[in-house]
């Protein structure tokens, strides 16, 4: 998935990277932000099955592993550091 912000370079996110960085309460501790999801447990061949705009502030994704509870705010996506080999 590719996103472009005004006055910024575009970012390309793989489905696997987005799933590994899911901000939902099942994947991140609600108070500390500590990652609860083991990134290595996310399959390499994971895909985004569908996506939706949430209000005017976020995106939601349905992943091929059945996960769909993350709300990825545009600000969250903008601030994610995408590794070169995500």
N, C-alpha and C. Protein backbone atom coordinates (compact mmCIF):
# COMPACT_ATOMS: atom_id res chain seq x y z
N UNK A 1 0.85 -1.16 0.00
CA UNK A 1 0.00 0.00 0.00
C UNK A 1 0.90 1.22 0.00
N UNK A 2 0.57 2.20 -0.83
CA UNK A 2 1.36 3.42 -0.92
C UNK A 2 0.53 4.60 -0.46
N UNK A 3 1.15 5.46 0.37
CA UNK A 3 0.48 6.68 0.83
C UNK A 3 1.43 7.85 0.62
N UNK A 4 0.85 9.00 0.29
CA UNK A 4 1.64 10.22 0.11
C UNK A 4 0.99 11.33 0.92
N UNK A 5 1.82 12.06 1.68
CA UNK A 5 1.36 13.20 2.45
C UNK A 5 1.88 14.46 1.80
N UNK A 6 1.13 15.57 1.94
CA UNK A 6 1.62 16.84 1.40
C UNK A 6 2.99 17.17 2.00
N UNK A 7 3.90 17.62 1.12
CA UNK A 7 5.25 18.03 1.53
C UNK A 7 6.07 16.90 2.14
N UNK A 8 5.70 15.65 1.86
CA UNK A 8 6.46 14.50 2.36
C UNK A 8 6.68 13.50 1.25
N UNK A 9 7.69 12.71 1.42
CA UNK A 9 7.88 11.60 0.49
C UNK A 9 6.77 10.59 0.71
N UNK A 10 6.54 9.79 -0.31
CA UNK A 10 5.53 8.74 -0.15
C UNK A 10 6.13 7.60 0.66
N UNK A 11 5.25 6.85 1.28
CA UNK A 11 5.64 5.66 2.04
C UNK A 11 4.93 4.47 1.44
N UNK A 12 5.65 3.36 1.37
CA UNK A 12 5.08 2.12 0.89
C UNK A 12 5.09 1.14 2.06
N UNK A 13 3.91 0.62 2.39
CA UNK A 13 3.74 -0.30 3.50
C UNK A 13 3.38 -1.68 2.97
N UNK A 14 4.08 -2.70 3.40
CA UNK A 14 3.65 -4.06 3.06
C UNK A 14 2.53 -4.45 4.01
N UNK A 15 1.71 -5.38 3.61
CA UNK A 15 0.63 -5.88 4.47
C UNK A 15 1.21 -6.47 5.74
N UNK A 16 2.29 -7.22 5.59
CA UNK A 16 2.92 -7.85 6.76
C UNK A 16 3.40 -6.81 7.76
N UNK A 17 4.04 -5.75 7.28
CA UNK A 17 4.52 -4.68 8.16
C UNK A 17 3.36 -4.02 8.89
N UNK A 18 2.29 -3.70 8.16
CA UNK A 18 1.14 -3.07 8.81
C UNK A 18 0.54 -3.98 9.87
N UNK A 19 0.47 -5.27 9.59
CA UNK A 19 -0.07 -6.22 10.58
C UNK A 19 0.83 -6.29 11.79
N UNK A 20 2.15 -6.30 11.59
CA UNK A 20 3.10 -6.33 12.70
C UNK A 20 3.02 -5.08 13.56
N UNK A 21 2.64 -3.97 12.96
CA UNK A 21 2.56 -2.69 13.67
C UNK A 21 1.14 -2.34 14.09
N UNK A 22 0.25 -3.31 14.09
CA UNK A 22 -1.15 -3.06 14.44
C UNK A 22 -1.25 -2.38 15.80
N UNK A 23 -2.00 -1.27 15.87
CA UNK A 23 -2.12 -0.53 17.13
C UNK A 23 -3.27 -0.97 18.03
N UNK A 24 -3.98 -2.04 17.68
CA UNK A 24 -5.15 -2.43 18.49
C UNK A 24 -4.73 -2.97 19.85
N UNK A 25 -5.69 -3.05 20.76
CA UNK A 25 -5.43 -3.49 22.13
C UNK A 25 -4.99 -4.95 22.23
N UNK A 26 -5.31 -5.76 21.24
CA UNK A 26 -4.85 -7.15 21.26
C UNK A 26 -3.38 -7.26 20.84
N UNK A 27 -2.90 -6.25 20.12
CA UNK A 27 -1.52 -6.28 19.60
C UNK A 27 -0.57 -5.36 20.35
N UNK A 28 -1.10 -4.37 21.03
CA UNK A 28 -0.31 -3.41 21.81
C UNK A 28 -0.97 -3.20 23.16
N UNK A 29 -0.17 -3.13 24.21
CA UNK A 29 -0.71 -2.87 25.54
C UNK A 29 -1.35 -1.49 25.53
N UNK A 30 -2.56 -1.40 26.03
CA UNK A 30 -3.33 -0.16 25.95
C UNK A 30 -2.70 1.01 26.70
N UNK A 31 -1.99 0.74 27.79
CA UNK A 31 -1.42 1.82 28.58
C UNK A 31 0.03 2.11 28.23
N UNK A 32 0.82 1.07 28.02
CA UNK A 32 2.25 1.27 27.80
C UNK A 32 2.64 1.33 26.33
N UNK A 33 1.79 0.81 25.45
CA UNK A 33 2.13 0.75 24.03
C UNK A 33 3.06 -0.41 23.69
N UNK A 34 3.41 -1.20 24.71
CA UNK A 34 4.31 -2.35 24.49
C UNK A 34 3.67 -3.32 23.49
N UNK A 35 4.50 -3.82 22.59
CA UNK A 35 4.02 -4.76 21.59
C UNK A 35 3.70 -6.10 22.25
N UNK A 36 2.50 -6.60 22.00
CA UNK A 36 2.07 -7.90 22.50
C UNK A 36 2.15 -8.97 21.41
N UNK A 37 2.05 -8.54 20.17
CA UNK A 37 2.10 -9.46 19.03
C UNK A 37 3.56 -9.78 18.71
N UNK A 38 3.87 -11.06 18.58
CA UNK A 38 5.21 -11.48 18.15
C UNK A 38 5.30 -11.25 16.64
N UNK A 39 6.14 -10.31 16.19
CA UNK A 39 6.21 -10.00 14.75
C UNK A 39 6.53 -11.22 13.89
N UNK A 40 7.28 -12.16 14.42
CA UNK A 40 7.64 -13.35 13.63
C UNK A 40 6.46 -14.28 13.42
N UNK A 41 5.37 -14.07 14.15
CA UNK A 41 4.18 -14.91 14.00
C UNK A 41 3.32 -14.49 12.80
N UNK A 42 3.63 -13.35 12.21
CA UNK A 42 2.86 -12.86 11.07
C UNK A 42 3.40 -13.53 9.80
N UNK A 43 2.55 -14.23 9.06
CA UNK A 43 3.01 -14.94 7.86
C UNK A 43 3.61 -14.00 6.81
N UNK A 44 4.63 -14.48 6.13
CA UNK A 44 5.27 -13.69 5.07
C UNK A 44 4.33 -13.41 3.91
N UNK A 45 3.39 -14.30 3.67
CA UNK A 45 2.49 -14.15 2.52
C UNK A 45 1.16 -13.47 2.88
N UNK A 46 1.10 -12.83 4.03
CA UNK A 46 -0.10 -12.12 4.47
C UNK A 46 -0.47 -11.04 3.46
N UNK A 47 -1.76 -10.86 3.23
CA UNK A 47 -2.24 -9.81 2.32
C UNK A 47 -3.37 -9.04 2.99
N UNK A 48 -3.64 -7.86 2.45
CA UNK A 48 -4.78 -7.08 2.88
C UNK A 48 -5.96 -7.52 2.02
N UNK A 49 -6.99 -8.04 2.66
CA UNK A 49 -8.18 -8.53 1.96
C UNK A 49 -9.08 -7.36 1.58
N UNK A 50 -9.22 -6.40 2.49
CA UNK A 50 -10.02 -5.22 2.23
C UNK A 50 -9.56 -4.10 3.15
N UNK A 51 -9.97 -2.88 2.79
CA UNK A 51 -9.65 -1.72 3.63
C UNK A 51 -10.84 -0.78 3.61
N UNK A 52 -10.89 0.08 4.63
CA UNK A 52 -11.98 1.05 4.70
C UNK A 52 -11.46 2.33 5.35
N UNK A 53 -12.06 3.44 4.97
CA UNK A 53 -11.77 4.71 5.60
C UNK A 53 -12.64 4.81 6.84
N UNK A 54 -12.03 5.19 7.95
CA UNK A 54 -12.76 5.35 9.21
C UNK A 54 -12.83 6.85 9.49
N UNK A 55 -14.02 7.39 9.43
CA UNK A 55 -14.19 8.83 9.60
C UNK A 55 -13.35 9.56 8.58
N UNK A 56 -12.70 10.63 9.04
CA UNK A 56 -11.78 11.37 8.19
C UNK A 56 -10.39 11.34 8.78
N UNK A 57 -10.12 10.29 9.60
CA UNK A 57 -8.86 10.30 10.34
C UNK A 57 -8.09 8.99 10.31
N UNK A 58 -8.63 7.92 9.72
CA UNK A 58 -7.95 6.64 9.85
C UNK A 58 -8.35 5.65 8.76
N UNK A 59 -7.61 4.56 8.73
CA UNK A 59 -7.90 3.42 7.85
C UNK A 59 -8.03 2.17 8.70
N UNK A 60 -8.88 1.27 8.24
CA UNK A 60 -8.99 -0.05 8.86
C UNK A 60 -8.72 -1.10 7.80
N UNK A 61 -8.08 -2.20 8.20
CA UNK A 61 -7.72 -3.25 7.25
C UNK A 61 -8.25 -4.60 7.72
N UNK A 62 -8.66 -5.41 6.78
CA UNK A 62 -8.98 -6.83 7.02
C UNK A 62 -7.81 -7.59 6.41
N UNK A 63 -7.08 -8.32 7.26
CA UNK A 63 -5.92 -9.08 6.80
C UNK A 63 -6.30 -10.53 6.53
N UNK A 64 -5.50 -11.19 5.73
CA UNK A 64 -5.80 -12.58 5.36
C UNK A 64 -5.69 -13.55 6.54
N UNK A 65 -5.13 -13.12 7.67
CA UNK A 65 -5.10 -13.98 8.85
C UNK A 65 -6.36 -13.80 9.71
N UNK A 66 -7.30 -12.97 9.22
CA UNK A 66 -8.56 -12.75 9.92
C UNK A 66 -8.57 -11.54 10.83
N UNK A 67 -7.42 -10.94 11.06
CA UNK A 67 -7.34 -9.80 11.97
C UNK A 67 -7.91 -8.55 11.31
N UNK A 68 -8.69 -7.77 12.08
CA UNK A 68 -9.30 -6.56 11.50
C UNK A 68 -9.63 -5.48 12.52
N UNK A 69 -9.06 -5.55 13.72
CA UNK A 69 -9.48 -4.62 14.77
C UNK A 69 -8.61 -3.37 14.90
N UNK A 70 -7.53 -3.27 14.13
CA UNK A 70 -6.67 -2.09 14.23
C UNK A 70 -7.25 -0.88 13.53
N UNK A 71 -7.13 0.26 14.17
CA UNK A 71 -7.50 1.54 13.56
C UNK A 71 -6.19 2.31 13.37
N UNK A 72 -5.81 2.47 12.11
CA UNK A 72 -4.54 3.10 11.76
C UNK A 72 -4.80 4.56 11.42
N UNK A 73 -4.60 5.46 12.39
CA UNK A 73 -4.84 6.87 12.11
C UNK A 73 -3.81 7.34 11.07
N UNK A 74 -4.18 8.36 10.33
CA UNK A 74 -3.25 8.90 9.35
C UNK A 74 -1.98 9.39 10.04
N UNK A 75 -2.12 9.95 11.22
CA UNK A 75 -0.96 10.41 11.99
C UNK A 75 -0.06 9.23 12.37
N UNK A 76 -0.67 8.12 12.80
CA UNK A 76 0.10 6.92 13.15
C UNK A 76 0.88 6.41 11.94
N UNK A 77 0.21 6.33 10.79
CA UNK A 77 0.87 5.86 9.57
C UNK A 77 1.99 6.82 9.15
N UNK A 78 1.76 8.11 9.28
CA UNK A 78 2.76 9.09 8.91
C UNK A 78 4.03 8.95 9.75
N UNK A 79 3.86 8.59 11.02
CA UNK A 79 4.99 8.50 11.93
C UNK A 79 5.66 7.14 11.98
N UNK A 80 5.08 6.14 11.32
CA UNK A 80 5.71 4.81 11.30
C UNK A 80 7.02 4.84 10.53
N UNK A 81 8.04 4.26 11.12
CA UNK A 81 9.33 4.15 10.42
C UNK A 81 9.30 2.83 9.65
N UNK A 82 9.31 2.93 8.33
CA UNK A 82 9.23 1.75 7.49
C UNK A 82 10.65 1.25 7.21
N UNK A 83 10.98 0.04 7.67
CA UNK A 83 12.29 -0.50 7.35
C UNK A 83 12.43 -0.74 5.85
N UNK A 84 13.65 -0.71 5.36
CA UNK A 84 13.90 -0.87 3.94
C UNK A 84 13.31 -2.18 3.41
N UNK A 85 13.39 -3.25 4.15
CA UNK A 85 12.89 -4.55 3.71
C UNK A 85 11.62 -4.95 4.41
N UNK A 86 10.66 -4.03 4.52
CA UNK A 86 9.42 -4.38 5.24
C UNK A 86 8.63 -5.28 4.38
